[in-house]
Amino acid sequence: MVVAKAQALLRAGQVQFPEVSERVARIAPFAGTEEEAWAIHQAYALMPRANFSRAILESCPAALAVSELPPLTWSDLRTPRRVFDLLTRVQIRPPWLQASDLPA
């Protein structure tokens, strides 16, 4: 889990991987024009690929901190089935959930 101010992440990205910032900056002249969608597509299509953790976070360890958290339950809630599974696992029954809502 990453908790940060957006400005701090942007600054780290600009320092550690300036090619991405430069590519995104090229969109600005097209903002609000008919070519804006094209400029966004071009910026992302031509942008170098990078792993955020490796390219940005691992490059600036002095700016990072670790905090111990109490026991947590993590779940990727990508589908309704996963939401129902999590609710069952942690024994939570919200008022909006009826027995008939549970998928088979």
C-alpha atoms as a PDB file:
ATOM      1  CA  MET A   1       0.000   0.000   0.000  1.00  0.00           C
ATOM      2  CA  VAL A   2       1.333   3.421  -0.889  1.00  0.00           C
ATOM      3  CA  VAL A   3       0.163   6.559   0.868  1.00  0.00           C
ATOM      4  CA  ALA A   4       1.525   9.814  -0.478  1.00  0.00           C
ATOM      5  CA  LYS A   5       0.630  13.267  -1.615  1.00  0.00           C
ATOM      6  CA  ALA A   6       0.122  13.310  -5.374  1.00  0.00           C
ATOM      7  CA  GLN A   7       2.641  16.156  -5.691  1.00  0.00           C
ATOM      8  CA  ALA A   8       5.323  14.060  -3.980  1.00  0.00           C
ATOM      9  CA  LEU A   9       4.749  11.157  -6.375  1.00  0.00           C
ATOM     10  CA  LEU A  10       4.797  13.478  -9.381  1.00  0.00           C
ATOM     11  CA  ARG A  11       8.049  15.059  -8.196  1.00  0.00           C
ATOM     12  CA  ALA A  12       9.654  11.638  -7.666  1.00  0.00           C
ATOM     13  CA  GLY A  13       8.530  10.581 -11.127  1.00  0.00           C
ATOM     14  CA  GLN A  14       9.926  13.721 -12.715  1.00  0.00           C
ATOM     15  CA  VAL A  15      13.290  13.161 -11.047  1.00  0.00           C
ATOM     16  CA  GLN A  16      13.589   9.385 -11.440  1.00  0.00           C
ATOM     17  CA  PHE A  17      11.900   8.879 -14.826  1.00  0.00           C
ATOM     18  CA  PRO A  18      11.765  12.242 -16.636  1.00  0.00           C
ATOM     19  CA  GLU A  19      10.940  10.661 -19.997  1.00  0.00           C
ATOM     20  CA  VAL A  20       7.380   9.992 -18.801  1.00  0.00           C
ATOM     21  CA  SER A  21       6.887  13.532 -17.491  1.00  0.00           C
ATOM     22  CA  GLU A  22       8.207  14.989 -20.737  1.00  0.00           C
ATOM     23  CA  ARG A  23       5.855  12.836 -22.783  1.00  0.00           C
ATOM     24  CA  VAL A  24       2.811  13.853 -20.698  1.00  0.00           C
ATOM     25  CA  ALA A  25       3.817  17.539 -20.854  1.00  0.00           C
ATOM     26  CA  ARG A  26       3.462  17.380 -24.639  1.00  0.00           C
ATOM     27  CA  ILE A  27      -0.316  16.980 -24.206  1.00  0.00           C
ATOM     28  CA  ALA A  28      -0.802  20.483 -22.724  1.00  0.00           C
ATOM     29  CA  PRO A  29      -0.801  22.462 -26.009  1.00  0.00           C
ATOM     30  CA  PHE A  30      -3.663  20.268 -27.247  1.00  0.00           C
ATOM     31  CA  ALA A  31      -5.839  20.544 -24.111  1.00  0.00           C
ATOM     32  CA  GLY A  32      -9.364  21.595 -25.009  1.00  0.00           C
ATOM     33  CA  THR A  33      -8.839  21.158 -28.738  1.00  0.00           C
ATOM     34  CA  GLU A  34     -10.124  18.554 -31.166  1.00  0.00           C
ATOM     35  CA  GLU A  35      -6.639  17.019 -31.140  1.00  0.00           C
ATOM     36  CA  GLU A  36      -6.572  16.439 -27.365  1.00  0.00           C
ATOM     37  CA  ALA A  37      -7.610  12.758 -27.586  1.00  0.00           C
ATOM     38  CA  TRP A  38      -4.999  12.164 -30.296  1.00  0.00           C
ATOM     39  CA  ALA A  39      -2.300  13.881 -28.191  1.00  0.00           C
ATOM     40  CA  ILE A  40      -3.155  11.755 -25.158  1.00  0.00           C
ATOM     41  CA  HIS A  41      -3.078   8.589 -27.242  1.00  0.00           C
ATOM     42  CA  GLN A  42       0.281   9.567 -28.760  1.00  0.00           C
ATOM     43  CA  ALA A  43       1.785  10.450 -25.395  1.00  0.00           C
ATOM     44  CA  TYR A  44       0.899   7.081 -23.902  1.00  0.00           C
ATOM     45  CA  ALA A  45       1.677   5.071 -27.039  1.00  0.00           C
ATOM     46  CA  LEU A  46       5.182   6.536 -27.276  1.00  0.00           C
ATOM     47  CA  MET A  47       5.877   6.657 -23.538  1.00  0.00           C
ATOM     48  CA  PRO A  48       8.584   4.290 -22.276  1.00  0.00           C
ATOM     49  CA  ARG A  49       7.177   1.509 -20.125  1.00  0.00           C
ATOM     50  CA  ALA A  50       8.230   1.264 -16.501  1.00  0.00           C
ATOM     51  CA  ASN A  51       7.376  -0.537 -13.311  1.00  0.00           C
ATOM     52  CA  PHE A  52       6.363   2.164 -10.808  1.00  0.00           C
ATOM     53  CA  SER A  53       7.870   0.374  -7.815  1.00  0.00           C
ATOM     54  CA  ARG A  54      11.193  -0.309  -9.503  1.00  0.00           C
ATOM     55  CA  ALA A  55      11.605   2.832 -11.599  1.00  0.00           C
ATOM     56  CA  ILE A  56      10.346   5.346  -9.059  1.00  0.00           C
ATOM     57  CA  LEU A  57      10.082   4.030  -5.503  1.00  0.00           C
ATOM     58  CA  GLU A  58      13.245   1.894  -5.418  1.00  0.00           C
ATOM     59  CA  SER A  59      15.197   4.844  -6.792  1.00  0.00           C
ATOM     60  CA  CYS A  60      14.424   7.130  -3.869  1.00  0.00           C
ATOM     61  CA  PRO A  61      14.517   5.076  -0.649  1.00  0.00           C
ATOM     62  CA  ALA A  62      15.371   8.131   1.481  1.00  0.00           C
ATOM     63  CA  ALA A  63      11.915   9.536   0.699  1.00  0.00           C
ATOM     64  CA  LEU A  64      10.114   6.382   1.825  1.00  0.00           C
ATOM     65  CA  ALA A  65       8.943   5.207   5.211  1.00  0.00           C
ATOM     66  CA  VAL A  66       7.395   2.012   6.498  1.00  0.00           C
ATOM     67  CA  SER A  67       4.584   1.864   8.999  1.00  0.00           C
ATOM     68  CA  GLU A  68       3.386  -1.234  10.775  1.00  0.00           C
ATOM     69  CA  LEU A  69      -0.348  -1.705  10.433  1.00  0.00           C
ATOM     70  CA  PRO A  70      -2.750  -3.724  12.510  1.00  0.00           C
ATOM     71  CA  PRO A  71      -3.858  -7.041  11.003  1.00  0.00           C
ATOM     72  CA  LEU A  72      -5.726  -6.330   7.787  1.00  0.00           C
ATOM     73  CA  THR A  73      -7.728  -8.286   5.256  1.00  0.00           C
ATOM     74  CA  TRP A  74      -6.720  -7.608   1.685  1.00  0.00           C
ATOM     75  CA  SER A  75      -8.880  -8.538  -1.239  1.00  0.00           C
ATOM     76  CA  ASP A  76      -8.897  -7.568  -4.885  1.00  0.00           C
ATOM     77  CA  LEU A  77     -12.592  -6.712  -5.279  1.00  0.00           C
ATOM     78  CA  ARG A  78     -12.588  -6.920  -9.056  1.00  0.00           C
ATOM     79  CA  THR A  79     -15.857  -8.854  -9.384  1.00  0.00           C
ATOM     80  CA  PRO A  80     -19.173  -9.061  -7.524  1.00  0.00           C
ATOM     81  CA  ARG A  81     -18.358 -12.675  -6.610  1.00  0.00           C
ATOM     82  CA  ARG A  82     -15.219 -11.507  -4.803  1.00  0.00           C
ATOM     83  CA  VAL A  83     -17.206  -8.884  -2.895  1.00  0.00           C
ATOM     84  CA  PHE A  84     -19.660 -11.538  -1.695  1.00  0.00           C
ATOM     85  CA  ASP A  85     -16.817 -13.931  -0.830  1.00  0.00           C
ATOM     86  CA  LEU A  86     -15.084 -11.257   1.254  1.00  0.00           C
ATOM     87  CA  LEU A  87     -18.282 -10.331   3.086  1.00  0.00           C
ATOM     88  CA  THR A  88     -18.813 -13.992   3.935  1.00  0.00           C
ATOM     89  CA  ARG A  89     -15.181 -14.480   5.035  1.00  0.00           C
ATOM     90  CA  VAL A  90     -15.167 -11.495   7.394  1.00  0.00           C
ATOM     91  CA  GLN A  91     -18.721 -12.216   8.558  1.00  0.00           C
ATOM     92  CA  ILE A  92     -20.208  -8.884   7.558  1.00  0.00           C
ATOM     93  CA  ARG A  93     -23.855  -8.759   6.508  1.00  0.00           C
ATOM     94  CA  PRO A  94     -24.706  -5.244   5.230  1.00  0.00           C
ATOM     95  CA  PRO A  95     -28.394  -4.275   5.255  1.00  0.00           C
ATOM     96  CA  TRP A  96     -28.493  -4.119   1.448  1.00  0.00           C
ATOM     97  CA  LEU A  97     -27.465  -7.748   1.132  1.00  0.00           C
ATOM     98  CA  GLN A  98     -30.310 -10.256   1.119  1.00  0.00           C
ATOM     99  CA  ALA A  99     -29.866 -14.027   0.984  1.00  0.00           C
ATOM    100  CA  SER A 100     -31.379 -13.961  -2.497  1.00  0.00           C
ATOM    101  CA  ASP A 101     -28.581 -11.570  -3.658  1.00  0.00           C
ATOM    102  CA  LEU A 102     -25.848 -14.171  -3.173  1.00  0.00           C
ATOM    103  CA  PRO A 103     -24.701 -15.657  -6.481  1.00  0.00           C
ATOM    104  CA  ALA A 104     -24.775 -19.422  -6.766  1.00  0.00           C
END
